[in-house]
Amino acid sequence: MGNVVLNLEMVKINEMKNYYSKQLLDKNIPGSVFAAKTPACMITAYKSGKVLFQGNDSESEAGKWGSSAAGVPSKKPSAVKGKAGAKGDLPSGIGGMSAIGSDEVGTGDFFGPITVVAAYVRKEDIPLLKELGVRDSKDLNDEKIISIAKVIKDVVPFSLMTLKNEKYNQVQGSGMSQGKMKALLHNQAILKVLEKISPVKPEAILIDQFVQPSTYFQHLKGQKAIANKDVYFSTKAEGIHLAVAAASILARYAFIQYIDKLSEAAGFKIPKGAGAQVDVAAAKLILSKGRESLPSFVKLHFANTDKAMAIVNKKRN
């Protein structure tokens, strides 16, 4: 699906709004003036003057109102020098590069899966993502995450990897560390995005650091394919490049959706995190569906499992 961004005066945007009056959508998109949908194009106009056209007819539709190079595929970027995987070697100006960023959600939550997303953000799209309010998902409530994710999922190429609880418990029980699970998921997500954007190559790949770079690549030994060219690591990477922030929002969005499914299956609202509230929820689940139901809902090796069982035993006694 094509994307084109125009920068227009507000007078022109109001003219557009009138033009698309019969196709306007009742959508609460952050910072927008209007959103409209034609048979083959979605048009979203923002207060900043940016107008995003998405869809098969994006170029022809945008051509009615102006011209922009934003929808033209990027030229092959030059290689970024630096040791792949070396801590603290972020290239100068990485925040303004066309880059893939990856992040994960759910590793500290008792209920629910681990979701990992890698997302590619072109330098031309950085202003638009800023306009949409993209930043670290930890700084956004669920409502805001859902609102932003529904827009950016059609703007940036991304790949989602979901490690469901059943599989998580299986590989964890066989001795695999959570760190290795995450490394495998990040690598798979990045490879899939590289495949999606080919032949274009990112100027950098930035991973929100969860282990030392050397340990990360050690975890990947034996894999048929490893993304290891122009790969960089940093803690709080969502503040360094919006690709990581976008990945964190999309990963959180997927996690929220999965928790909603678990809530439906449980018959009550499943809480997030690993505090006392999840102990109570897990105990409720055990009492209603039996302990054998836990592996499909929770990460069994968390201490919360024993705490939930203690609550169950107390209620039964």
Protein backbone atom coordinates (compact mmCIF):
# COMPACT_ATOMS: atom_id res chain seq x y z
CA MET A 1 0.00 0.00 0.00
CA GLY A 2 1.39 3.40 -1.02
CA ASN A 3 1.84 6.41 1.25
CA VAL A 4 2.12 10.05 0.18
CA VAL A 5 2.45 13.06 2.49
CA LEU A 6 1.70 16.63 1.38
CA ASN A 7 2.34 19.86 3.29
CA LEU A 8 -0.58 22.22 2.66
CA GLU A 9 -1.97 25.51 3.92
CA MET A 10 -5.03 25.32 6.19
CA VAL A 11 -7.12 27.06 3.52
CA LYS A 12 -6.37 24.16 1.17
CA ILE A 13 -7.07 21.58 3.89
CA ASN A 14 -10.50 23.15 4.55
CA GLU A 15 -11.13 23.05 0.80
CA MET A 16 -10.26 19.35 0.88
CA LYS A 17 -12.62 18.79 3.78
CA ASN A 18 -15.47 20.24 1.77
CA TYR A 19 -14.45 18.22 -1.29
CA TYR A 20 -14.54 14.95 0.72
CA SER A 21 -17.59 15.94 2.77
CA LYS A 22 -19.59 12.87 1.73
CA GLN A 23 -16.68 10.55 2.58
CA LEU A 24 -15.69 11.96 5.98
CA LEU A 25 -15.11 9.47 8.78
CA ASP A 26 -16.08 9.95 12.40
CA LYS A 27 -12.59 9.11 13.66
CA ASN A 28 -10.85 10.67 16.64
CA ILE A 29 -7.31 10.72 15.22
CA PRO A 30 -4.89 12.71 17.41
CA GLY A 31 -4.11 16.15 15.95
CA SER A 32 -6.27 15.70 12.87
CA VAL A 33 -8.56 18.15 11.09
CA PHE A 34 -10.45 15.44 9.23
CA ALA A 35 -10.24 11.87 7.95
CA ALA A 36 -11.93 10.66 4.77
CA LYS A 37 -12.03 7.39 2.87
CA THR A 38 -12.48 6.93 -0.88
CA PRO A 39 -12.84 3.44 -2.43
CA ALA A 40 -9.05 3.08 -2.74
CA CYS A 41 -7.52 5.77 -0.52
CA MET A 42 -7.55 6.95 3.09
CA ILE A 43 -6.92 10.68 3.57
CA THR A 44 -5.99 12.15 6.95
CA ALA A 45 -5.28 15.88 7.34
CA TYR A 46 -3.45 17.19 10.40
CA LYS A 47 -3.43 20.59 12.11
CA SER A 48 0.29 20.90 11.32
CA GLY A 49 -0.56 21.08 7.62
CA LYS A 50 0.52 17.54 6.78
CA VAL A 51 -1.94 15.43 4.80
CA LEU A 52 -1.42 11.67 4.63
CA PHE A 53 -2.75 9.65 1.67
CA GLN A 54 -2.76 5.84 2.14
CA GLY A 55 -3.86 3.22 -0.35
CA ASN A 56 -3.53 2.01 -3.92
CA ASP A 57 -4.67 5.37 -5.31
CA SER A 58 -2.59 7.48 -2.89
CA GLU A 59 -0.41 9.06 -5.59
CA SER A 60 -3.27 9.94 -7.95
CA GLU A 61 -5.46 11.22 -5.10
CA ALA A 62 -2.63 13.33 -3.68
CA GLY A 63 -1.93 14.62 -7.19
CA LYS A 64 -5.25 16.46 -7.07
CA TRP A 65 -3.87 18.70 -4.33
CA GLY A 66 -0.11 18.99 -4.88
CA SER A 67 3.10 17.03 -5.29
CA SER A 68 5.52 15.47 -2.84
CA ALA A 69 8.51 13.18 -2.89
CA ALA A 70 7.36 11.62 0.36
CA GLY A 71 5.65 8.79 -1.47
CA VAL A 72 8.64 7.95 -3.66
CA PRO A 73 10.70 4.93 -2.54
CA SER A 74 13.93 5.90 -0.81
CA LYS A 75 17.22 5.63 -2.60
CA LYS A 76 19.47 2.93 -1.32
CA PRO A 77 21.09 4.47 1.75
CA SER A 78 24.82 4.45 2.24
CA ALA A 79 26.26 2.04 4.76
CA VAL A 80 26.73 3.21 8.32
CA LYS A 81 30.15 2.61 9.72
CA GLY A 82 30.58 1.16 13.17
CA LYS A 83 31.01 -2.17 14.89
CA ALA A 84 27.79 -4.11 14.78
CA GLY A 85 26.61 -4.82 18.27
CA ALA A 86 29.15 -2.68 20.08
CA LYS A 87 27.66 -0.83 23.04
CA GLY A 88 27.86 2.93 22.93
CA ASP A 89 28.78 3.19 19.25
CA LEU A 90 25.58 4.85 18.05
CA PRO A 91 26.32 6.76 14.84
CA SER A 92 26.00 10.51 14.91
CA GLY A 93 22.54 11.66 13.85
CA ILE A 94 20.94 8.23 14.14
CA GLY A 95 17.67 9.84 15.26
CA GLY A 96 17.22 11.37 11.83
CA MET A 97 18.09 8.27 9.80
CA SER A 98 15.81 5.81 8.03
CA ALA A 99 15.95 2.97 10.53
CA ILE A 100 14.43 -0.23 11.84
CA GLY A 101 13.68 -0.18 15.55
CA SER A 102 12.58 -3.10 17.72
CA ASP A 103 11.08 -3.39 21.18
CA GLU A 104 9.15 -5.91 23.26
CA VAL A 105 6.24 -5.89 25.69
CA GLY A 106 4.92 -8.41 28.20
CA THR A 107 8.15 -9.78 29.66
CA GLY A 108 7.28 -8.58 33.15
CA ASP A 109 3.57 -9.40 32.98
CA PHE A 110 2.32 -12.57 34.66
CA PHE A 111 -0.65 -12.87 32.33
CA GLY A 112 -0.27 -12.74 28.57
CA PRO A 113 2.37 -13.31 25.92
CA ILE A 114 5.59 -11.61 24.95
CA THR A 115 5.02 -9.41 21.92
CA VAL A 116 7.98 -8.14 19.89
CA VAL A 117 7.71 -5.66 17.03
CA ALA A 118 10.30 -4.39 14.58
CA ALA A 119 9.25 -1.30 12.60
CA TYR A 120 10.88 0.62 9.75
CA VAL A 121 10.60 4.39 9.80
CA ARG A 122 11.87 6.42 6.86
CA LYS A 123 13.46 9.76 7.67
CA GLU A 124 10.71 11.41 5.58
CA ASP A 125 8.03 10.00 7.91
CA ILE A 126 9.60 11.13 11.20
CA PRO A 127 7.73 14.49 11.28
CA LEU A 128 4.43 12.71 10.67
CA LEU A 129 5.03 10.23 13.51
CA LYS A 130 5.86 13.12 15.82
CA GLU A 131 2.61 14.76 14.76
CA LEU A 132 0.73 11.58 15.62
CA GLY A 133 2.17 11.64 19.14
CA VAL A 134 4.47 8.63 18.76
CA ARG A 135 6.69 8.14 21.81
CA ASP A 136 7.50 5.34 24.25
CA SER A 137 4.39 3.25 24.93
CA LYS A 138 5.14 3.30 28.67
CA ASP A 139 4.29 7.02 28.63
CA LEU A 140 0.88 6.41 27.02
CA ASN A 141 -2.33 4.97 28.41
CA ASP A 142 -4.06 2.10 26.65
CA GLU A 143 -6.63 4.34 24.96
CA LYS A 144 -3.91 6.55 23.45
CA ILE A 145 -1.87 3.52 22.35
CA ILE A 146 -4.85 2.00 20.55
CA SER A 147 -5.64 5.32 18.85
CA ILE A 148 -2.07 5.86 17.61
CA ALA A 149 -1.44 2.21 16.69
CA LYS A 150 -4.52 2.05 14.47
CA VAL A 151 -3.04 4.86 12.37
CA ILE A 152 0.67 3.99 12.27
CA LYS A 153 0.11 0.30 11.48
CA ASP A 154 -0.79 1.45 7.97
CA VAL A 155 2.06 3.97 7.76
CA VAL A 156 5.17 2.03 8.79
CA PRO A 157 6.20 -1.46 7.63
CA PHE A 158 6.44 -3.68 10.71
CA SER A 159 6.51 -7.29 11.86
CA LEU A 160 4.90 -8.66 15.01
CA MET A 161 6.11 -11.78 16.80
CA THR A 162 3.90 -13.18 19.57
CA LEU A 163 5.18 -15.82 21.98
CA LYS A 164 1.98 -17.23 23.47
CA ASN A 165 1.89 -18.53 27.03
CA GLU A 166 1.70 -22.21 26.11
CA LYS A 167 4.86 -21.99 23.98
CA TYR A 168 6.57 -19.69 26.47
CA ASN A 169 6.04 -22.18 29.30
CA GLN A 170 7.21 -25.02 27.11
CA VAL A 171 10.53 -23.43 26.09
CA GLN A 172 11.09 -21.93 29.55
CA GLY A 173 10.53 -25.35 31.09
CA SER A 174 13.13 -26.83 28.76
CA GLY A 175 15.73 -24.41 30.12
CA MET A 176 15.63 -21.47 27.70
CA SER A 177 16.11 -18.10 29.37
CA GLN A 178 13.76 -15.24 28.74
CA GLY A 179 16.72 -13.29 27.35
CA LYS A 180 17.28 -15.88 24.65
CA MET A 181 13.57 -15.96 23.82
CA LYS A 182 13.60 -12.20 23.32
CA ALA A 183 16.77 -12.29 21.20
CA LEU A 184 15.24 -14.90 18.89
CA LEU A 185 12.01 -12.92 18.58
CA HIS A 186 13.78 -9.61 17.89
CA ASN A 187 15.96 -11.23 15.23
CA GLN A 188 12.96 -12.86 13.51
CA ALA A 189 10.96 -9.62 13.54
CA ILE A 190 13.87 -7.60 12.12
CA LEU A 191 14.51 -10.16 9.37
CA LYS A 192 10.85 -10.06 8.34
CA VAL A 193 10.90 -6.25 8.11
CA LEU A 194 14.12 -6.34 6.08
CA GLU A 195 12.34 -8.74 3.73
CA LYS A 196 9.29 -6.44 3.50
CA ILE A 197 11.27 -3.32 2.58
CA SER A 198 13.78 -5.03 0.25
CA PRO A 199 15.62 -3.89 -1.84
CA VAL A 200 15.72 -0.78 0.35
CA LYS A 201 18.11 -1.18 3.28
CA PRO A 202 17.89 0.77 6.54
CA GLU A 203 20.72 3.08 7.52
CA ALA A 204 20.64 1.52 10.98
CA ILE A 205 18.89 -1.11 13.08
CA LEU A 206 18.32 -0.06 16.68
CA ILE A 207 17.30 -2.56 19.36
CA ASP A 208 16.02 -1.48 22.76
CA GLN A 209 18.76 -3.11 24.81
CA PHE A 210 17.80 -5.89 27.22
CA VAL A 211 21.15 -7.75 27.35
CA GLN A 212 24.75 -6.99 26.45
CA PRO A 213 25.25 -7.01 22.67
CA SER A 214 27.71 -9.90 22.90
CA THR A 215 25.14 -11.95 24.83
CA TYR A 216 22.44 -11.07 22.29
CA PHE A 217 24.48 -12.47 19.41
CA GLN A 218 25.52 -15.48 21.52
CA HIS A 219 21.80 -16.28 21.93
CA LEU A 220 21.43 -16.28 18.14
CA LYS A 221 24.18 -18.79 17.43
CA GLY A 222 22.90 -21.65 15.31
CA GLN A 223 20.18 -19.59 13.63
CA LYS A 224 20.01 -19.89 9.84
CA ALA A 225 19.81 -16.11 9.41
CA ILE A 226 20.94 -13.32 11.72
CA ALA A 227 20.48 -9.60 11.24
CA ASN A 228 23.90 -8.31 12.30
CA LYS A 229 24.79 -5.52 9.87
CA ASP A 230 24.58 -1.95 11.17
CA VAL A 231 22.86 -3.21 14.35
CA TYR A 232 23.04 -0.98 17.41
CA PHE A 233 21.81 -1.31 20.97
CA SER A 234 20.74 1.25 23.55
CA THR A 235 18.66 1.39 26.68
CA LYS A 236 15.73 3.81 26.41
CA ALA A 237 16.12 3.51 22.63
CA GLU A 238 12.57 4.80 22.10
CA GLY A 239 13.96 8.23 22.97
CA ILE A 240 16.71 7.91 20.38
CA HIS A 241 14.71 6.93 17.29
CA LEU A 242 10.97 6.99 16.64
CA ALA A 243 11.22 3.58 14.96
CA VAL A 244 11.71 2.05 18.40
CA ALA A 245 8.90 4.17 19.86
CA ALA A 246 6.60 3.05 17.03
CA ALA A 247 7.62 -0.56 17.64
CA SER A 248 6.87 -0.21 21.35
CA ILE A 249 3.39 1.19 20.61
CA LEU A 250 2.55 -1.56 18.11
CA ALA A 251 3.86 -4.24 20.49
CA ARG A 252 1.79 -2.81 23.33
CA TYR A 253 -1.26 -2.63 21.09
CA ALA A 254 -0.88 -6.32 20.23
CA PHE A 255 -0.42 -7.16 23.91
CA ILE A 256 -3.57 -5.23 24.88
CA GLN A 257 -5.56 -7.08 22.22
CA TYR A 258 -4.27 -10.43 23.48
CA ILE A 259 -5.12 -9.58 27.09
CA ASP A 260 -8.65 -8.73 25.94
CA LYS A 261 -8.91 -12.21 24.38
CA LEU A 262 -7.66 -13.82 27.60
CA SER A 263 -10.25 -11.80 29.54
CA GLU A 264 -13.00 -13.17 27.31
CA ALA A 265 -11.73 -16.72 27.81
CA ALA A 266 -11.45 -16.24 31.59
CA GLY A 267 -14.85 -14.60 31.93
CA PHE A 268 -13.47 -11.58 33.79
CA LYS A 269 -11.02 -8.72 33.18
CA ILE A 270 -7.41 -9.87 33.31
CA PRO A 271 -5.07 -7.35 35.01
CA LYS A 272 -1.62 -6.45 33.68
CA GLY A 273 1.66 -6.48 35.56
CA ALA A 274 2.87 -8.82 38.29
CA GLY A 275 1.48 -7.27 41.46
CA ALA A 276 -0.98 -8.53 44.04
CA GLN A 277 -3.93 -7.98 41.71
CA VAL A 278 -2.71 -10.70 39.34
CA ASP A 279 -2.39 -13.15 42.25
CA VAL A 280 -6.05 -12.63 43.02
CA ALA A 281 -7.02 -12.94 39.34
CA ALA A 282 -5.03 -16.15 38.92
CA ALA A 283 -6.64 -17.61 42.05
CA LYS A 284 -10.06 -16.75 40.63
CA LEU A 285 -9.09 -18.49 37.39
CA ILE A 286 -7.92 -21.61 39.24
CA LEU A 287 -11.11 -21.77 41.28
CA SER A 288 -13.31 -21.45 38.18
CA LYS A 289 -11.34 -23.42 35.58
CA GLY A 290 -8.81 -25.47 37.53
CA ARG A 291 -5.05 -25.16 37.83
CA GLU A 292 -4.63 -26.96 34.50
CA SER A 293 -5.93 -23.82 32.79
CA LEU A 294 -2.98 -21.69 33.94
CA PRO A 295 -0.39 -22.57 31.24
CA SER A 296 -2.46 -20.91 28.52
CA PHE A 297 -2.90 -17.73 30.58
CA VAL A 298 0.26 -17.06 32.58
CA LYS A 299 4.03 -17.41 32.76
CA LEU A 300 4.16 -20.31 35.19
CA HIS A 301 7.67 -19.73 36.59
CA PHE A 302 6.70 -16.33 38.03
CA ALA A 303 6.37 -16.30 41.82
CA ASN A 304 2.76 -15.21 41.29
CA THR A 305 1.81 -18.84 40.59
CA ASP A 306 2.66 -19.93 44.13
CA LYS A 307 1.01 -16.82 45.57
CA ALA A 308 -2.19 -17.58 43.64
CA MET A 309 -2.18 -21.17 44.86
CA ALA A 310 -1.77 -19.92 48.44
CA ILE A 311 -4.90 -17.78 48.00
CA VAL A 312 -6.78 -20.77 46.54
CA ASN A 313 -5.76 -23.06 49.42
CA LYS A 314 -6.80 -20.43 51.95
CA LYS A 315 -10.22 -20.09 50.34
CA ARG A 316 -10.69 -23.85 50.18
CA ASN A 317 -9.72 -24.28 53.80
